[in-house]
Amino acid sequence: MINDNFIAEKEALGIRIQVLRQRIINPDTGKPISQEELGYISNVAKKTIGELERGVTNPKLETLLMISKGLNVSIKDLFTIDDI
């Protein structure tokens, strides 16, 4: 098996995080929250959020748990693509 570093899986995870982030509306602006806002509520750097959404990083489990908590979803929901 050729090791492709799970490129497709990382990209799918990134898309899923982005979709979930964009479903949360900032009450002050009426727009979806930004990567920076997700980083703030998740206690994860904006740069990390961006890298995850682009599928260019290998996230730690702790990071995914913090993001799922910030998005108010289970970690399982980060990997479920049925409703995209």
Protein backbone atom coordinates (compact mmCIF):
# COMPACT_ATOMS: atom_id res chain seq x y z
CA MET A 1 0.00 0.00 0.00
CA ILE A 2 1.33 3.40 -0.94
CA ASN A 3 1.40 5.89 1.94
CA ASP A 4 -0.35 9.01 0.73
CA ASN A 5 -0.41 10.53 4.23
CA PHE A 6 -4.20 10.31 4.19
CA ILE A 7 -4.54 13.32 1.90
CA ALA A 8 -8.17 12.67 0.95
CA GLU A 9 -9.16 12.02 4.55
CA LYS A 10 -7.49 15.22 5.79
CA GLU A 11 -9.22 17.22 3.05
CA ALA A 12 -12.60 15.69 3.92
CA LEU A 13 -12.09 16.50 7.61
CA GLY A 14 -11.18 20.07 6.69
CA ILE A 15 -14.30 20.50 4.59
CA ARG A 16 -16.40 19.09 7.41
CA ILE A 17 -14.93 21.50 9.96
CA GLN A 18 -15.51 24.39 7.57
CA VAL A 19 -19.14 23.38 6.96
CA LEU A 20 -19.82 23.03 10.68
CA ARG A 21 -18.12 26.38 11.38
CA GLN A 22 -20.20 28.14 8.76
CA ARG A 23 -23.41 26.86 10.34
CA ILE A 24 -22.72 28.85 13.48
CA ILE A 25 -23.98 32.39 13.08
CA ASN A 26 -22.37 35.22 15.02
CA PRO A 27 -25.30 37.06 16.64
CA ASP A 28 -23.48 40.39 16.40
CA THR A 29 -22.79 40.24 12.67
CA GLY A 30 -25.46 37.83 11.44
CA LYS A 31 -22.71 36.02 9.50
CA PRO A 32 -21.04 32.64 10.00
CA ILE A 33 -18.22 32.67 12.53
CA SER A 34 -14.72 33.14 11.19
CA GLN A 35 -11.74 30.85 11.63
CA GLU A 36 -10.49 33.33 14.21
CA GLU A 37 -13.75 33.14 16.17
CA LEU A 38 -13.73 29.34 16.09
CA GLY A 39 -10.15 29.42 17.28
CA TYR A 40 -11.12 31.69 20.15
CA ILE A 41 -14.04 29.58 21.35
CA SER A 42 -12.06 26.36 20.85
CA ASN A 43 -8.80 27.65 22.33
CA VAL A 44 -7.03 26.64 19.09
CA ALA A 45 -4.89 29.01 17.01
CA LYS A 46 -6.54 30.54 13.93
CA LYS A 47 -3.57 29.28 11.92
CA THR A 48 -4.34 25.72 13.02
CA ILE A 49 -8.02 26.09 12.08
CA GLY A 50 -6.97 27.31 8.63
CA GLU A 51 -4.49 24.47 8.15
CA LEU A 52 -7.12 21.94 9.19
CA GLU A 53 -9.71 23.39 6.81
CA ARG A 54 -7.18 23.23 3.97
CA GLY A 55 -6.29 19.64 4.89
CA VAL A 56 -2.58 20.34 5.21
CA THR A 57 -1.94 19.26 8.80
CA ASN A 58 -2.18 16.16 10.93
CA PRO A 59 -4.27 17.21 13.93
CA LYS A 60 -3.79 15.83 17.40
CA LEU A 61 -6.77 14.16 19.03
CA GLU A 62 -6.76 16.87 21.70
CA THR A 63 -7.08 19.56 19.01
CA LEU A 64 -10.03 17.78 17.40
CA LEU A 65 -11.70 17.41 20.79
CA MET A 66 -11.28 21.13 21.48
CA ILE A 67 -12.69 22.04 18.05
CA SER A 68 -15.65 19.68 18.41
CA LYS A 69 -16.40 21.25 21.79
CA GLY A 70 -16.15 24.74 20.27
CA LEU A 71 -18.53 23.69 17.49
CA ASN A 72 -20.82 22.07 20.06
CA VAL A 73 -20.74 18.71 18.27
CA SER A 74 -19.37 15.30 19.16
CA ILE A 75 -16.00 14.28 17.79
CA LYS A 76 -17.89 11.67 15.77
CA ASP A 77 -19.72 14.52 14.02
CA LEU A 78 -16.38 15.80 12.71
CA PHE A 79 -16.04 12.59 10.72
CA THR A 80 -19.66 12.17 9.62
CA ILE A 81 -20.29 13.53 6.15
CA ASP A 82 -23.86 12.31 5.58
CA ASP A 83 -25.49 15.72 5.99
CA ILE A 84 -23.09 17.90 3.97
